[in-house]
Protein backbone atom coordinates (compact mmCIF):
# COMPACT_ATOMS: atom_id res chain seq x y z
CA MET A 1 0.00 0.00 0.00
CA ASN A 2 1.28 3.45 -0.91
CA LEU A 3 0.99 6.36 1.53
CA VAL A 4 0.30 9.64 -0.26
CA GLY A 5 1.51 12.94 1.14
CA LYS A 6 1.41 16.46 -0.22
CA LYS A 7 4.82 16.25 -1.94
CA VAL A 8 5.84 12.61 -1.64
CA VAL A 9 4.50 9.09 -1.97
CA LEU A 10 5.78 6.46 0.45
CA ARG A 11 5.81 3.03 -1.16
CA PRO A 12 7.27 -0.38 -0.37
CA ILE A 13 10.90 -1.00 -1.33
CA GLU A 14 11.33 -2.70 -4.69
CA LEU A 15 14.30 -4.45 -6.26
CA GLU A 16 15.09 -1.48 -8.52
CA ASP A 17 15.61 0.71 -5.41
CA ILE A 18 18.57 -1.21 -4.06
CA GLU A 19 21.26 0.67 -6.02
CA MET A 20 19.99 4.04 -4.74
CA LEU A 21 19.91 2.62 -1.19
CA ARG A 22 23.44 1.22 -1.59
CA GLU A 23 24.74 4.60 -2.75
CA LEU A 24 23.04 6.24 0.21
CA THR A 25 24.54 3.75 2.67
CA ASN A 26 28.01 4.21 1.16
CA ASP A 27 27.88 8.03 1.16
CA PRO A 28 30.54 9.15 3.69
CA GLU A 29 28.84 12.52 4.21
CA PHE A 30 25.58 10.82 5.09
CA GLU A 31 27.34 8.39 7.44
CA LYS A 32 28.56 11.36 9.51
CA MET A 33 24.97 12.46 10.15
CA ILE A 34 23.29 9.27 11.38
CA VAL A 35 23.16 7.91 14.92
CA GLY A 36 24.00 4.36 13.86
CA TRP A 37 26.85 3.16 11.72
CA SER A 38 27.27 1.06 8.64
CA PHE A 39 29.97 -0.76 6.78
CA PRO A 40 30.59 -0.19 3.07
CA VAL A 41 28.00 -2.24 1.19
CA SER A 42 28.60 -4.16 -2.03
CA LYS A 43 25.92 -4.80 -4.63
CA LYS A 44 25.72 -8.42 -3.41
CA ASN A 45 25.35 -7.28 0.23
CA GLN A 46 22.56 -4.89 -0.76
CA GLU A 47 20.74 -7.64 -2.66
CA GLU A 48 20.99 -9.93 0.39
CA TRP A 49 19.69 -7.11 2.59
CA PHE A 50 16.74 -6.62 0.23
CA ALA A 51 15.89 -10.33 0.34
CA ASN A 52 15.60 -10.09 4.14
CA ALA A 53 14.17 -6.56 4.48
CA LYS A 54 10.51 -7.34 4.07
CA ASN A 55 8.07 -5.33 6.12
CA GLY A 56 6.74 -7.27 9.07
CA LEU A 57 4.94 -6.93 12.36
CA SER A 58 7.77 -5.02 14.01
CA ARG A 59 9.07 -2.82 11.18
CA LEU A 60 7.93 -0.88 8.14
CA ARG A 61 10.23 0.60 5.51
CA TYR A 62 9.17 2.85 2.67
CA ILE A 63 10.83 4.44 -0.33
CA ILE A 64 10.25 8.19 -0.54
CA GLU A 65 9.23 9.03 -4.09
CA THR A 66 8.33 12.26 -5.87
CA GLU A 67 6.55 12.60 -9.18
CA GLU A 68 9.38 14.72 -10.53
CA ASP A 69 12.43 12.83 -9.24
CA GLY A 70 11.28 9.24 -8.68
CA ALA A 71 12.82 7.40 -5.72
CA VAL A 72 14.77 9.85 -3.57
CA GLY A 73 15.16 8.22 -0.16
CA MET A 74 13.83 5.98 2.58
CA ILE A 75 11.87 6.31 5.83
CA GLY A 76 10.37 3.82 8.23
CA LEU A 77 9.48 2.58 11.68
CA ARG A 78 11.14 -0.18 13.66
CA ASP A 79 10.57 -1.88 17.00
CA ILE A 80 6.82 -1.48 16.63
CA ASP A 81 5.30 -2.36 20.00
CA TRP A 82 1.64 -3.15 19.36
CA LYS A 83 0.78 -3.62 23.05
CA ASN A 84 2.13 -0.24 24.13
CA GLY A 85 1.38 1.59 20.88
CA SER A 86 4.90 2.80 20.16
CA ALA A 87 7.62 2.56 17.53
CA TYR A 88 11.06 3.94 16.85
CA GLY A 89 11.54 6.14 13.80
CA LEU A 90 13.98 4.36 11.51
CA GLY A 91 15.14 7.72 10.29
CA MET A 92 14.57 9.57 7.10
CA ARG A 93 17.18 9.60 4.37
CA ILE A 94 17.09 11.73 1.25
CA ALA A 95 19.74 10.52 -1.20
CA LYS A 96 19.84 13.44 -3.61
CA LYS A 97 21.57 16.39 -1.93
CA ASP A 98 20.19 18.97 -4.35
CA ILE A 99 16.59 18.33 -3.26
CA ARG A 100 17.07 18.18 0.52
CA THR A 101 15.68 21.66 1.13
CA ARG A 102 12.34 21.24 -0.67
CA GLY A 103 10.29 20.09 2.32
CA LEU A 104 10.35 16.43 1.29
CA ALA A 105 11.64 15.25 4.67
CA THR A 106 8.88 17.11 6.48
CA ASP A 107 6.21 15.73 4.17
CA ALA A 108 7.60 12.19 4.39
CA TRP A 109 7.48 12.32 8.20
CA MET A 110 4.00 13.88 8.26
CA THR A 111 2.74 11.18 5.87
CA LEU A 112 4.28 8.35 7.89
CA MET A 113 3.02 9.80 11.18
CA ARG A 114 -0.53 10.18 9.84
CA TYR A 115 -0.48 6.48 8.93
CA ALA A 116 1.15 5.42 12.21
CA PHE A 117 -1.21 7.38 14.44
CA ASN A 118 -4.48 7.10 12.50
CA GLU A 119 -4.29 3.70 10.81
CA LEU A 120 -1.90 1.68 12.97
CA ARG A 121 -3.28 3.33 16.13
CA LEU A 122 0.15 3.98 17.60
CA ASN A 123 0.36 6.57 20.37
CA ARG A 124 4.08 7.35 20.33
CA ILE A 125 7.02 7.51 17.92
CA ASN A 126 10.50 7.67 19.42
CA GLY A 127 13.45 9.23 17.64
CA SER A 128 17.00 10.43 18.02
CA ALA A 129 19.54 12.59 16.21
CA LEU A 130 23.16 13.55 16.64
CA ALA A 131 23.41 16.84 18.51
CA TYR A 132 25.31 18.45 15.61
CA ASN A 133 22.82 17.32 12.95
CA LYS A 134 20.88 20.58 12.94
CA ALA A 135 18.92 19.76 9.78
CA SER A 136 17.55 16.55 11.29
CA LEU A 137 16.72 18.27 14.57
CA ARG A 138 14.91 21.04 12.68
CA VAL A 139 12.77 18.54 10.72
CA CYS A 140 11.94 16.61 13.90
CA GLU A 141 10.82 19.81 15.60
CA LYS A 142 8.73 20.81 12.56
CA VAL A 143 6.82 17.52 12.61
CA GLY A 144 6.05 17.57 16.33
CA PHE A 145 8.88 15.72 18.07
CA LYS A 146 9.75 17.03 21.54
CA VAL A 147 13.23 16.77 23.03
CA GLU A 148 13.09 14.41 26.01
CA GLY A 149 16.75 14.19 26.91
CA THR A 150 20.36 13.86 25.88
CA GLN A 151 22.56 10.81 25.88
CA ARG A 152 25.94 12.36 26.57
CA GLN A 153 28.83 11.21 24.38
CA ALA A 154 26.79 8.20 23.25
CA VAL A 155 28.10 7.78 19.70
CA TYR A 156 31.61 7.85 18.25
CA LYS A 157 31.65 9.86 15.01
CA ASN A 158 34.37 11.70 13.13
CA GLY A 159 37.03 10.93 15.74
CA GLU A 160 35.08 12.01 18.82
CA PHE A 161 32.21 11.01 21.07
CA VAL A 162 29.08 13.07 20.45
CA ASP A 163 25.77 13.57 22.22
CA VAL A 164 22.55 12.05 20.95
CA ILE A 165 19.32 14.00 21.36
CA ILE A 166 16.40 11.76 22.37
CA MET A 167 12.95 12.81 21.14
CA GLY A 168 9.39 11.60 21.11
CA CYS A 169 6.15 12.52 19.38
CA LEU A 170 2.80 11.55 20.84
CA LYS A 171 -0.36 11.23 18.80
CA SER A 172 -1.69 14.24 20.74
CA ASP A 173 1.42 16.28 19.72
CA TYR A 174 0.83 15.36 16.09
CA GLU A 175 -2.89 16.17 16.27
CA ALA A 176 -2.21 19.56 17.89
CA LEU A 177 0.37 20.34 15.20
CA ILE A 178 -1.88 19.52 12.24
CA THR A 179 -4.75 21.44 13.82
CA GLU A 180 -2.53 24.48 14.36
CA ASN A 181 -0.78 24.53 10.98
CA LYS A 182 -3.66 22.94 9.01
CA TYR A 183 -1.10 20.67 7.35
CA TRP A 184 -3.53 18.35 5.59
CA GLU A 185 -6.03 21.02 4.56
CA GLU A 186 -5.89 22.14 0.94
């Protein structure tokens, strides 16, 4: 099932997406901005990942697509806890640097959150970002995440330990935001 936003469509990952995802994973500039880490990925590794990366009960992954540019990135949820109504934002990755300031990240998050809160009936989405990743922090704030704490020197990046900002967005935060900014109204 595709999730339709104002600027993007979120759709399941397909085989033809794996090269874009491999390039994204292997981008050293992108690696500096994510909380986790990754090893360089070969085409074979990416194909094996794809074979095992099916959506399931505890995770959902979507390709971010625009009408103009096609597949441009990925977003998703992991550790979906159906009993407690929560999930962890897998992160949002836009592969093409020249389109990162067009509001696609905001729309991708708003689209995924609408689905998570209204259709999946989740109550909370957890997230995190490196303290120096100002663009990610700005998007998270725009879509309703609230800072809940800091994990001091939690991740080793670029030769030093850096803080990780812990965030959360409740369904009520999201509902207040879309009421205030009328996000889904034409």
